[in-house]
């Protein structure tokens, strides 16, 4: 039987990484997962700040576990789970029957008559966490070498194209799903003969450079414009940066201006999940919900399947 060994408060010296001597080691855990031994970000803040209890995160975690032959009827605004239905049965319903079912669910759960109810299919065929976990350690190393918080490497790898090399409908490609123009701007070769986005190390380099040169500075600029204070190691700030990575600074600025927050923190992120502006729409709202869900699911897998887990803490 596999055993999970927690060794806390391990004190070791930490080297500087490349030309950016920033120590990110305090948030890391070393694991042995199958034949792989490497690092993950341990995500303590997910639990102590109760991000893991949010219904949006729990909903998407359920979707990540559910096979694509089933779907969940859920409240669009809160992602409250109402009913699980097989795709076969759902396909047999007429539009009138689907509408009537939604009416019944609103009555059963005392929802407002105008509350939108989504039908969301399972996606465990896409979220192949066992395949992506072994790549996280290398992503962490490359982000560290470029002086970028490696939490972003883990978060992106878990949700963008986990364990796969798929091209999106918009042209994003590679493990970090970089658009062609964005990849070129960060020093990658992308042409009809060579696409460095499919090379893990080059893709990670491009994503980390994008984070350091664009996403993090733009996120800070948007928050500064509103007079909001932040700590770059806080979970809410990291999620805010992820929104910039996905939707672009202009669209994030638009939704923040619509919200007009007086404070940052978890409440700002939750407000972003409920508001739309410019190009910040449903997919943008879902992005950090997916990031949270994927982190939670990964930790469950690691704790169940790993027989060595060292939480690295430094003085």
C-alpha atoms as a PDB file:
ATOM      1  CA  UNK A   1       0.000   0.000   0.000  1.00  0.00           C
ATOM      2  CA  UNK A   2       1.263   3.423  -0.909  1.00  0.00           C
ATOM      3  CA  UNK A   3       1.971   5.611   2.076  1.00  0.00           C
ATOM      4  CA  UNK A   4       1.964   9.362   2.234  1.00  0.00           C
ATOM      5  CA  UNK A   5       4.754  10.829   4.298  1.00  0.00           C
ATOM      6  CA  UNK A   6       4.525  14.430   5.378  1.00  0.00           C
ATOM      7  CA  UNK A   7       7.872  15.895   6.410  1.00  0.00           C
ATOM      8  CA  UNK A   8       7.294  19.453   7.507  1.00  0.00           C
ATOM      9  CA  UNK A   9       9.687  22.268   8.224  1.00  0.00           C
ATOM     10  CA  UNK A  10      12.613  21.065   6.141  1.00  0.00           C
ATOM     11  CA  UNK A  11      15.367  23.638   6.356  1.00  0.00           C
ATOM     12  CA  UNK A  12      17.770  23.781   3.451  1.00  0.00           C
ATOM     13  CA  UNK A  13      19.598  26.550   1.652  1.00  0.00           C
ATOM     14  CA  UNK A  14      18.142  27.769  -1.620  1.00  0.00           C
ATOM     15  CA  UNK A  15      20.122  28.735  -4.714  1.00  0.00           C
ATOM     16  CA  UNK A  16      19.484  31.815  -6.783  1.00  0.00           C
ATOM     17  CA  UNK A  17      17.901  31.186 -10.161  1.00  0.00           C
ATOM     18  CA  UNK A  18      19.458  32.728 -13.263  1.00  0.00           C
ATOM     19  CA  UNK A  19      19.784  36.488 -13.276  1.00  0.00           C
ATOM     20  CA  UNK A  20      16.646  36.937 -11.164  1.00  0.00           C
ATOM     21  CA  UNK A  21      17.586  35.816  -7.621  1.00  0.00           C
ATOM     22  CA  UNK A  22      14.071  35.346  -6.268  1.00  0.00           C
ATOM     23  CA  UNK A  23      13.333  32.501  -3.871  1.00  0.00           C
ATOM     24  CA  UNK A  24       9.942  30.876  -4.482  1.00  0.00           C
ATOM     25  CA  UNK A  25      10.808  27.666  -2.617  1.00  0.00           C
ATOM     26  CA  UNK A  26       8.593  28.227   0.420  1.00  0.00           C
ATOM     27  CA  UNK A  27       5.487  27.354  -1.599  1.00  0.00           C
ATOM     28  CA  UNK A  28       6.850  24.137  -3.081  1.00  0.00           C
ATOM     29  CA  UNK A  29       6.417  20.461  -2.295  1.00  0.00           C
ATOM     30  CA  UNK A  30       8.499  17.575  -3.574  1.00  0.00           C
ATOM     31  CA  UNK A  31       6.550  14.506  -4.634  1.00  0.00           C
ATOM     32  CA  UNK A  32       7.116  11.029  -5.972  1.00  0.00           C
ATOM     33  CA  UNK A  33       4.316  10.257  -8.398  1.00  0.00           C
ATOM     34  CA  UNK A  34       4.613   6.893 -10.136  1.00  0.00           C
ATOM     35  CA  UNK A  35       8.062   6.876 -11.699  1.00  0.00           C
ATOM     36  CA  UNK A  36       8.306  10.647 -11.517  1.00  0.00           C
ATOM     37  CA  UNK A  37       9.934  12.636  -8.751  1.00  0.00           C
ATOM     38  CA  UNK A  38       9.700  16.398  -8.839  1.00  0.00           C
ATOM     39  CA  UNK A  39       8.120  19.586  -7.545  1.00  0.00           C
ATOM     40  CA  UNK A  40       4.620  20.988  -7.285  1.00  0.00           C
ATOM     41  CA  UNK A  41       3.333  24.124  -5.606  1.00  0.00           C
ATOM     42  CA  UNK A  42       1.668  22.973  -2.405  1.00  0.00           C
ATOM     43  CA  UNK A  43      -1.215  25.471  -2.413  1.00  0.00           C
ATOM     44  CA  UNK A  44      -1.691  25.933   1.310  1.00  0.00           C
ATOM     45  CA  UNK A  45      -3.606  29.179   0.708  1.00  0.00           C
ATOM     46  CA  UNK A  46      -6.315  27.304  -1.186  1.00  0.00           C
ATOM     47  CA  UNK A  47      -7.429  25.708   2.036  1.00  0.00           C
ATOM     48  CA  UNK A  48      -6.630  28.199   4.782  1.00  0.00           C
ATOM     49  CA  UNK A  49      -8.400  30.974   2.840  1.00  0.00           C
ATOM     50  CA  UNK A  50     -11.351  28.684   1.940  1.00  0.00           C
ATOM     51  CA  UNK A  51     -10.968  29.017  -1.823  1.00  0.00           C
ATOM     52  CA  UNK A  52     -11.468  25.246  -1.897  1.00  0.00           C
ATOM     53  CA  UNK A  53     -14.968  25.619  -0.410  1.00  0.00           C
ATOM     54  CA  UNK A  54     -16.330  27.991  -3.021  1.00  0.00           C
ATOM     55  CA  UNK A  55     -19.213  26.418  -4.983  1.00  0.00           C
ATOM     56  CA  UNK A  56     -17.727  27.530  -8.313  1.00  0.00           C
ATOM     57  CA  UNK A  57     -14.486  25.658  -7.637  1.00  0.00           C
ATOM     58  CA  UNK A  58     -16.341  22.564  -6.406  1.00  0.00           C
ATOM     59  CA  UNK A  59     -18.605  22.627  -9.460  1.00  0.00           C
ATOM     60  CA  UNK A  60     -15.737  22.654 -11.952  1.00  0.00           C
ATOM     61  CA  UNK A  61     -13.893  19.989  -9.976  1.00  0.00           C
ATOM     62  CA  UNK A  62     -16.997  17.813 -10.388  1.00  0.00           C
ATOM     63  CA  UNK A  63     -17.046  18.535 -14.130  1.00  0.00           C
ATOM     64  CA  UNK A  64     -13.368  17.549 -14.355  1.00  0.00           C
ATOM     65  CA  UNK A  65     -14.211  14.208 -12.744  1.00  0.00           C
ATOM     66  CA  UNK A  66     -17.335  13.550 -14.831  1.00  0.00           C
ATOM     67  CA  UNK A  67     -17.235  11.602 -18.081  1.00  0.00           C
ATOM     68  CA  UNK A  68     -18.471  13.380 -21.239  1.00  0.00           C
ATOM     69  CA  UNK A  69     -21.492  11.076 -21.480  1.00  0.00           C
ATOM     70  CA  UNK A  70     -23.133  12.967 -18.594  1.00  0.00           C
ATOM     71  CA  UNK A  71     -24.006  16.561 -17.839  1.00  0.00           C
ATOM     72  CA  UNK A  72     -24.874  18.660 -14.823  1.00  0.00           C
ATOM     73  CA  UNK A  73     -27.700  21.169 -14.722  1.00  0.00           C
ATOM     74  CA  UNK A  74     -26.428  24.094 -12.674  1.00  0.00           C
ATOM     75  CA  UNK A  75     -27.181  27.695 -11.768  1.00  0.00           C
ATOM     76  CA  UNK A  76     -25.158  29.941 -14.077  1.00  0.00           C
ATOM     77  CA  UNK A  77     -24.596  32.669 -11.492  1.00  0.00           C
ATOM     78  CA  UNK A  78     -23.474  30.493  -8.560  1.00  0.00           C
ATOM     79  CA  UNK A  79     -22.686  27.143 -10.208  1.00  0.00           C
ATOM     80  CA  UNK A  80     -24.968  25.423  -7.705  1.00  0.00           C
ATOM     81  CA  UNK A  81     -25.436  21.817  -8.848  1.00  0.00           C
ATOM     82  CA  UNK A  82     -29.107  20.949  -9.391  1.00  0.00           C
ATOM     83  CA  UNK A  83     -29.274  17.662 -11.284  1.00  0.00           C
ATOM     84  CA  UNK A  84     -27.096  15.144 -13.118  1.00  0.00           C
ATOM     85  CA  UNK A  85     -28.418  13.797 -16.429  1.00  0.00           C
ATOM     86  CA  UNK A  86     -26.993  11.352 -18.972  1.00  0.00           C
ATOM     87  CA  UNK A  87     -26.273  12.757 -22.419  1.00  0.00           C
ATOM     88  CA  UNK A  88     -28.487  10.026 -23.920  1.00  0.00           C
ATOM     89  CA  UNK A  89     -31.490  11.048 -21.822  1.00  0.00           C
ATOM     90  CA  UNK A  90     -30.850  14.760 -22.377  1.00  0.00           C
ATOM     91  CA  UNK A  91     -30.760  14.205 -26.115  1.00  0.00           C
ATOM     92  CA  UNK A  92     -34.224  12.633 -25.976  1.00  0.00           C
ATOM     93  CA  UNK A  93     -35.782  15.707 -24.357  1.00  0.00           C
ATOM     94  CA  UNK A  94     -37.567  18.177 -26.594  1.00  0.00           C
ATOM     95  CA  UNK A  95     -36.799  21.862 -26.121  1.00  0.00           C
ATOM     96  CA  UNK A  96     -40.131  22.199 -24.330  1.00  0.00           C
ATOM     97  CA  UNK A  97     -39.249  19.352 -21.956  1.00  0.00           C
ATOM     98  CA  UNK A  98     -35.852  20.929 -21.231  1.00  0.00           C
ATOM     99  CA  UNK A  99     -37.559  24.230 -20.500  1.00  0.00           C
ATOM    100  CA  UNK A 100     -40.112  22.543 -18.232  1.00  0.00           C
ATOM    101  CA  UNK A 101     -37.339  20.735 -16.338  1.00  0.00           C
ATOM    102  CA  UNK A 102     -35.617  24.038 -15.691  1.00  0.00           C
ATOM    103  CA  UNK A 103     -38.894  25.491 -14.399  1.00  0.00           C
ATOM    104  CA  UNK A 104     -39.267  22.514 -12.040  1.00  0.00           C
ATOM    105  CA  UNK A 105     -35.711  22.907 -10.780  1.00  0.00           C
ATOM    106  CA  UNK A 106     -36.218  26.622 -10.102  1.00  0.00           C
ATOM    107  CA  UNK A 107     -39.298  25.770  -8.054  1.00  0.00           C
ATOM    108  CA  UNK A 108     -37.608  22.909  -6.191  1.00  0.00           C
ATOM    109  CA  UNK A 109     -34.556  25.007  -5.247  1.00  0.00           C
ATOM    110  CA  UNK A 110     -36.545  28.239  -4.671  1.00  0.00           C
ATOM    111  CA  UNK A 111     -34.698  30.066  -7.440  1.00  0.00           C
ATOM    112  CA  UNK A 112     -35.870  33.255  -9.100  1.00  0.00           C
ATOM    113  CA  UNK A 113     -37.817  32.754 -12.318  1.00  0.00           C
ATOM    114  CA  UNK A 114     -35.124  34.567 -14.337  1.00  0.00           C
ATOM    115  CA  UNK A 115     -32.238  32.516 -12.919  1.00  0.00           C
ATOM    116  CA  UNK A 116     -30.311  31.013 -15.844  1.00  0.00           C
ATOM    117  CA  UNK A 117     -29.660  27.265 -15.676  1.00  0.00           C
ATOM    118  CA  UNK A 118     -26.806  25.804 -17.704  1.00  0.00           C
ATOM    119  CA  UNK A 119     -26.310  22.228 -18.900  1.00  0.00           C
ATOM    120  CA  UNK A 120     -22.568  21.514 -18.634  1.00  0.00           C
ATOM    121  CA  UNK A 121     -21.042  18.255 -19.878  1.00  0.00           C
ATOM    122  CA  UNK A 122     -18.333  16.241 -18.111  1.00  0.00           C
ATOM    123  CA  UNK A 123     -14.747  16.818 -19.178  1.00  0.00           C
ATOM    124  CA  UNK A 124     -12.600  14.095 -17.618  1.00  0.00           C
ATOM    125  CA  UNK A 125     -11.408  13.213 -21.124  1.00  0.00           C
ATOM    126  CA  UNK A 126      -9.756  16.632 -21.399  1.00  0.00           C
ATOM    127  CA  UNK A 127      -8.400  17.138 -17.885  1.00  0.00           C
ATOM    128  CA  UNK A 128      -5.747  14.421 -17.883  1.00  0.00           C
ATOM    129  CA  UNK A 129      -4.054  15.310 -14.616  1.00  0.00           C
ATOM    130  CA  UNK A 130      -2.011  12.108 -14.349  1.00  0.00           C
ATOM    131  CA  UNK A 131      -0.341  13.031 -17.639  1.00  0.00           C
ATOM    132  CA  UNK A 132       0.348  16.670 -16.802  1.00  0.00           C
ATOM    133  CA  UNK A 133       1.613  16.337 -13.205  1.00  0.00           C
ATOM    134  CA  UNK A 134       5.058  15.047 -14.318  1.00  0.00           C
ATOM    135  CA  UNK A 135       5.537  18.182 -16.478  1.00  0.00           C
ATOM    136  CA  UNK A 136       4.857  20.633 -13.653  1.00  0.00           C
ATOM    137  CA  UNK A 137       8.303  20.320 -12.104  1.00  0.00           C
ATOM    138  CA  UNK A 138      10.009  21.380 -15.339  1.00  0.00           C
ATOM    139  CA  UNK A 139       7.588  24.275 -15.718  1.00  0.00           C
ATOM    140  CA  UNK A 140       8.390  25.398 -12.178  1.00  0.00           C
ATOM    141  CA  UNK A 141      12.123  25.319 -12.942  1.00  0.00           C
ATOM    142  CA  UNK A 142      11.807  27.419 -16.100  1.00  0.00           C
ATOM    143  CA  UNK A 143       9.537  30.030 -14.496  1.00  0.00           C
ATOM    144  CA  UNK A 144      11.957  30.287 -11.576  1.00  0.00           C
ATOM    145  CA  UNK A 145      14.871  30.777 -13.954  1.00  0.00           C
ATOM    146  CA  UNK A 146      13.009  33.751 -15.400  1.00  0.00           C
ATOM    147  CA  UNK A 147      12.156  35.207 -11.994  1.00  0.00           C
ATOM    148  CA  UNK A 148       8.446  34.465 -12.270  1.00  0.00           C
ATOM    149  CA  UNK A 149       6.257  32.977  -9.543  1.00  0.00           C
ATOM    150  CA  UNK A 150       6.132  29.280 -10.581  1.00  0.00           C
ATOM    151  CA  UNK A 151       2.572  28.962  -9.286  1.00  0.00           C
ATOM    152  CA  UNK A 152       1.559  30.341 -12.676  1.00  0.00           C
ATOM    153  CA  UNK A 153       3.341  27.521 -14.495  1.00  0.00           C
ATOM    154  CA  UNK A 154       1.401  24.927 -12.539  1.00  0.00           C
ATOM    155  CA  UNK A 155      -1.938  26.723 -12.923  1.00  0.00           C
ATOM    156  CA  UNK A 156      -1.586  27.151 -16.687  1.00  0.00           C
ATOM    157  CA  UNK A 157      -0.384  23.608 -17.319  1.00  0.00           C
ATOM    158  CA  UNK A 158      -3.326  22.143 -15.392  1.00  0.00           C
ATOM    159  CA  UNK A 159      -6.050  23.901 -17.374  1.00  0.00           C
ATOM    160  CA  UNK A 160      -4.847  25.029 -20.793  1.00  0.00           C
ATOM    161  CA  UNK A 161      -3.925  21.800 -22.579  1.00  0.00           C
ATOM    162  CA  UNK A 162      -3.258  19.270 -19.808  1.00  0.00           C
ATOM    163  CA  UNK A 163      -1.035  16.453 -21.020  1.00  0.00           C
ATOM    164  CA  UNK A 164      -1.888  17.200 -24.640  1.00  0.00           C
ATOM    165  CA  UNK A 165      -0.824  19.289 -27.621  1.00  0.00           C
ATOM    166  CA  UNK A 166      -4.056  20.715 -28.999  1.00  0.00           C
ATOM    167  CA  UNK A 167      -4.630  23.830 -31.033  1.00  0.00           C
ATOM    168  CA  UNK A 168      -7.576  25.965 -29.978  1.00  0.00           C
ATOM    169  CA  UNK A 169     -10.155  27.402 -32.362  1.00  0.00           C
ATOM    170  CA  UNK A 170      -8.473  30.786 -31.990  1.00  0.00           C
ATOM    171  CA  UNK A 171      -5.005  29.426 -32.849  1.00  0.00           C
ATOM    172  CA  UNK A 172      -3.498  29.074 -29.366  1.00  0.00           C
ATOM    173  CA  UNK A 173      -1.145  26.100 -29.208  1.00  0.00           C
ATOM    174  CA  UNK A 174       1.254  24.195 -26.982  1.00  0.00           C
ATOM    175  CA  UNK A 175       1.256  23.322 -23.271  1.00  0.00           C
ATOM    176  CA  UNK A 176       0.867  27.030 -22.378  1.00  0.00           C
ATOM    177  CA  UNK A 177      -1.597  27.795 -25.212  1.00  0.00           C
ATOM    178  CA  UNK A 178       0.204  30.804 -26.646  1.00  0.00           C
ATOM    179  CA  UNK A 179      -1.226  32.651 -29.618  1.00  0.00           C
ATOM    180  CA  UNK A 180       1.152  32.949 -32.610  1.00  0.00           C
ATOM    181  CA  UNK A 181       1.681  36.695 -32.300  1.00  0.00           C
ATOM    182  CA  UNK A 182       2.116  36.526 -28.534  1.00  0.00           C
ATOM    183  CA  UNK A 183       4.660  33.708 -28.861  1.00  0.00           C
ATOM    184  CA  UNK A 184       6.672  35.653 -31.445  1.00  0.00           C
ATOM    185  CA  UNK A 185       6.620  38.751 -29.236  1.00  0.00           C
ATOM    186  CA  UNK A 186       8.192  36.678 -26.454  1.00  0.00           C
ATOM    187  CA  UNK A 187      11.014  35.390 -28.670  1.00  0.00           C
ATOM    188  CA  UNK A 188       9.606  32.121 -30.032  1.00  0.00           C
ATOM    189  CA  UNK A 189       9.789  31.065 -33.661  1.00  0.00           C
ATOM    190  CA  UNK A 190       6.349  30.409 -35.129  1.00  0.00           C
ATOM    191  CA  UNK A 191       6.133  29.922 -38.892  1.00  0.00           C
ATOM    192  CA  UNK A 192       5.132  27.286 -41.439  1.00  0.00           C
ATOM    193  CA  UNK A 193       8.413  25.423 -40.896  1.00  0.00           C
ATOM    194  CA  UNK A 194       8.941  25.619 -37.157  1.00  0.00           C
ATOM    195  CA  UNK A 195       6.524  26.187 -34.289  1.00  0.00           C
ATOM    196  CA  UNK A 196       8.409  26.392 -31.008  1.00  0.00           C
ATOM    197  CA  UNK A 197       5.160  26.456 -29.062  1.00  0.00           C
ATOM    198  CA  UNK A 198       5.110  22.655 -29.232  1.00  0.00           C
ATOM    199  CA  UNK A 199       8.523  22.500 -27.526  1.00  0.00           C
ATOM    200  CA  UNK A 200       7.831  22.416 -23.790  1.00  0.00           C
ATOM    201  CA  UNK A 201      10.888  24.380 -22.665  1.00  0.00           C
ATOM    202  CA  UNK A 202      10.468  27.080 -25.301  1.00  0.00           C
ATOM    203  CA  UNK A 203       6.752  27.346 -24.634  1.00  0.00           C
ATOM    204  CA  UNK A 204       7.392  27.644 -20.886  1.00  0.00           C
ATOM    205  CA  UNK A 205      10.038  30.294 -21.571  1.00  0.00           C
ATOM    206  CA  UNK A 206       7.574  32.288 -23.685  1.00  0.00           C
ATOM    207  CA  UNK A 207       4.802  32.029 -21.089  1.00  0.00           C
ATOM    208  CA  UNK A 208       7.072  33.029 -18.211  1.00  0.00           C
ATOM    209  CA  UNK A 209       8.425  35.978 -20.208  1.00  0.00           C
ATOM    210  CA  UNK A 210       4.851  37.041 -21.020  1.00  0.00           C
ATOM    211  CA  UNK A 211       3.974  36.878 -17.329  1.00  0.00           C
ATOM    212  CA  UNK A 212       7.030  38.870 -16.263  1.00  0.00           C
ATOM    213  CA  UNK A 213       6.906  41.514 -19.003  1.00  0.00           C
ATOM    214  CA  UNK A 214       3.157  41.936 -19.548  1.00  0.00           C
ATOM    215  CA  UNK A 215       0.644  40.125 -17.337  1.00  0.00           C
ATOM    216  CA  UNK A 216       2.006  40.867 -13.864  1.00  0.00           C
ATOM    217  CA  UNK A 217       2.913  44.515 -14.608  1.00  0.00           C
ATOM    218  CA  UNK A 218      -0.490  45.120 -16.240  1.00  0.00           C
ATOM    219  CA  UNK A 219      -2.326  43.482 -13.324  1.00  0.00           C
ATOM    220  CA  UNK A 220      -0.470  45.730 -10.875  1.00  0.00           C
ATOM    221  CA  UNK A 221      -1.198  48.784 -13.018  1.00  0.00           C
ATOM    222  CA  UNK A 222      -4.954  48.033 -13.061  1.00  0.00           C
ATOM    223  CA  UNK A 223      -5.044  47.545  -9.287  1.00  0.00           C
ATOM    224  CA  UNK A 224      -2.931  50.657  -8.704  1.00  0.00           C
ATOM    225  CA  UNK A 225      -5.380  52.687 -10.779  1.00  0.00           C
ATOM    226  CA  UNK A 226      -8.090  51.733  -8.286  1.00  0.00           C
ATOM    227  CA  UNK A 227      -5.869  52.335  -5.280  1.00  0.00           C
ATOM    228  CA  UNK A 228      -6.069  48.684  -4.246  1.00  0.00           C
ATOM    229  CA  UNK A 229      -3.310  47.151  -2.119  1.00  0.00           C
ATOM    230  CA  UNK A 230      -1.996  43.688  -2.892  1.00  0.00           C
ATOM    231  CA  UNK A 231       0.670  41.133  -2.069  1.00  0.00           C
ATOM    232  CA  UNK A 232       1.969  39.294  -5.128  1.00  0.00           C
ATOM    233  CA  UNK A 233       2.063  35.984  -3.238  1.00  0.00           C
ATOM    234  CA  UNK A 234      -1.633  36.117  -2.309  1.00  0.00           C
ATOM    235  CA  UNK A 235      -3.995  33.739  -4.076  1.00  0.00           C
ATOM    236  CA  UNK A 236      -6.397  36.459  -5.197  1.00  0.00           C
ATOM    237  CA  UNK A 237      -3.588  38.449  -6.835  1.00  0.00           C
ATOM    238  CA  UNK A 238      -2.371  35.332  -8.641  1.00  0.00           C
ATOM    239  CA  UNK A 239      -5.889  34.661  -9.904  1.00  0.00           C
ATOM    240  CA  UNK A 240      -6.199  38.275 -11.021  1.00  0.00           C
ATOM    241  CA  UNK A 241      -3.008  37.887 -13.058  1.00  0.00           C
ATOM    242  CA  UNK A 242      -4.418  34.687 -14.576  1.00  0.00           C
ATOM    243  CA  UNK A 243      -7.378  36.688 -15.822  1.00  0.00           C
ATOM    244  CA  UNK A 244      -4.964  39.061 -17.550  1.00  0.00           C
ATOM    245  CA  UNK A 245      -3.136  36.080 -19.091  1.00  0.00           C
ATOM    246  CA  UNK A 246      -6.392  34.718 -20.479  1.00  0.00           C
ATOM    247  CA  UNK A 247      -8.521  37.767 -21.335  1.00  0.00           C
ATOM    248  CA  UNK A 248      -5.916  40.481 -21.850  1.00  0.00           C
ATOM    249  CA  UNK A 249      -5.319  43.614 -19.794  1.00  0.00           C
ATOM    250  CA  UNK A 250      -7.859  45.738 -21.685  1.00  0.00           C
ATOM    251  CA  UNK A 251     -10.737  43.377 -21.009  1.00  0.00           C
ATOM    252  CA  UNK A 252      -9.755  42.896 -17.360  1.00  0.00           C
ATOM    253  CA  UNK A 253      -9.519  46.669 -16.916  1.00  0.00           C
ATOM    254  CA  UNK A 254     -13.021  46.992 -18.418  1.00  0.00           C
ATOM    255  CA  UNK A 255     -14.609  44.566 -15.969  1.00  0.00           C
ATOM    256  CA  UNK A 256     -12.746  46.075 -13.004  1.00  0.00           C
ATOM    257  CA  UNK A 257     -13.960  49.532 -14.029  1.00  0.00           C
ATOM    258  CA  UNK A 258     -17.505  48.183 -14.157  1.00  0.00           C
ATOM    259  CA  UNK A 259     -17.176  46.687 -10.670  1.00  0.00           C
ATOM    260  CA  UNK A 260     -15.307  49.766  -9.364  1.00  0.00           C
ATOM    261  CA  UNK A 261     -13.992  47.922  -6.282  1.00  0.00           C
ATOM    262  CA  UNK A 262     -12.778  49.614  -3.118  1.00  0.00           C
ATOM    263  CA  UNK A 263     -10.934  46.497  -1.947  1.00  0.00           C
ATOM    264  CA  UNK A 264      -9.159  43.575  -3.546  1.00  0.00           C
ATOM    265  CA  UNK A 265      -9.118  40.079  -2.126  1.00  0.00           C
ATOM    266  CA  UNK A 266     -11.444  37.168  -2.720  1.00  0.00           C
ATOM    267  CA  UNK A 267     -14.476  39.429  -3.074  1.00  0.00           C
ATOM    268  CA  UNK A 268     -12.982  41.118  -6.144  1.00  0.00           C
ATOM    269  CA  UNK A 269     -12.366  37.772  -7.842  1.00  0.00           C
ATOM    270  CA  UNK A 270     -15.900  36.619  -7.030  1.00  0.00           C
ATOM    271  CA  UNK A 271     -17.281  39.880  -8.432  1.00  0.00           C
ATOM    272  CA  UNK A 272     -15.354  39.261 -11.649  1.00  0.00           C
ATOM    273  CA  UNK A 273     -17.114  35.902 -11.907  1.00  0.00           C
ATOM    274  CA  UNK A 274     -20.477  37.705 -11.937  1.00  0.00           C
ATOM    275  CA  UNK A 275     -19.733  40.616 -14.256  1.00  0.00           C
ATOM    276  CA  UNK A 276     -19.056  40.990 -17.977  1.00  0.00           C
ATOM    277  CA  UNK A 277     -17.520  43.888 -19.875  1.00  0.00           C
ATOM    278  CA  UNK A 278     -15.923  44.340 -23.307  1.00  0.00           C
ATOM    279  CA  UNK A 279     -14.339  40.961 -24.179  1.00  0.00           C
ATOM    280  CA  UNK A 280     -14.514  39.709 -20.606  1.00  0.00           C
ATOM    281  CA  UNK A 281     -17.356  37.189 -20.975  1.00  0.00           C
ATOM    282  CA  UNK A 282     -18.407  33.765 -19.760  1.00  0.00           C
ATOM    283  CA  UNK A 283     -15.142  32.014 -20.655  1.00  0.00           C
ATOM    284  CA  UNK A 284     -13.170  34.718 -18.871  1.00  0.00           C
ATOM    285  CA  UNK A 285     -15.359  34.400 -15.782  1.00  0.00           C
ATOM    286  CA  UNK A 286     -14.804  30.650 -15.722  1.00  0.00           C
ATOM    287  CA  UNK A 287     -11.036  30.807 -16.171  1.00  0.00           C
ATOM    288  CA  UNK A 288      -9.959  31.229 -12.566  1.00  0.00           C
ATOM    289  CA  UNK A 289     -12.772  28.987 -11.353  1.00  0.00           C
ATOM    290  CA  UNK A 290     -11.147  26.278 -13.486  1.00  0.00           C
ATOM    291  CA  UNK A 291      -7.723  27.194 -12.115  1.00  0.00           C
ATOM    292  CA  UNK A 292      -8.921  26.703  -8.546  1.00  0.00           C
ATOM    293  CA  UNK A 293     -10.739  23.454  -9.341  1.00  0.00           C
ATOM    294  CA  UNK A 294      -7.719  21.996 -11.132  1.00  0.00           C
ATOM    295  CA  UNK A 295      -5.413  22.825  -8.223  1.00  0.00           C
ATOM    296  CA  UNK A 296      -7.765  21.151  -5.755  1.00  0.00           C
ATOM    297  CA  UNK A 297      -8.110  18.067  -7.946  1.00  0.00           C
ATOM    298  CA  UNK A 298      -4.356  17.821  -8.446  1.00  0.00           C
ATOM    299  CA  UNK A 299      -3.694  17.885  -4.690  1.00  0.00           C
ATOM    300  CA  UNK A 300      -6.242  15.123  -4.166  1.00  0.00           C
ATOM    301  CA  UNK A 301      -4.499  12.969  -6.772  1.00  0.00           C
ATOM    302  CA  UNK A 302      -1.053  13.706  -5.360  1.00  0.00           C
ATOM    303  CA  UNK A 303      -2.103  12.836  -1.807  1.00  0.00           C
ATOM    304  CA  UNK A 304      -3.753   9.617  -2.962  1.00  0.00           C
ATOM    305  CA  UNK A 305      -1.098   8.431  -5.412  1.00  0.00           C
ATOM    306  CA  UNK A 306       2.182   9.770  -4.029  1.00  0.00           C
ATOM    307  CA  UNK A 307       4.173   7.903  -1.438  1.00  0.00           C
ATOM    308  CA  UNK A 308       6.499  10.790  -0.769  1.00  0.00           C
ATOM    309  CA  UNK A 309       5.491  14.382  -0.225  1.00  0.00           C
ATOM    310  CA  UNK A 310       7.882  16.893   1.277  1.00  0.00           C
ATOM    311  CA  UNK A 311       6.573  20.346   2.087  1.00  0.00           C
ATOM    312  CA  UNK A 312       9.535  22.657   1.729  1.00  0.00           C
ATOM    313  CA  UNK A 313       9.683  25.428   4.302  1.00  0.00           C
ATOM    314  CA  UNK A 314      12.538  27.852   4.584  1.00  0.00           C
ATOM    315  CA  UNK A 315      13.603  30.304   7.279  1.00  0.00           C
END
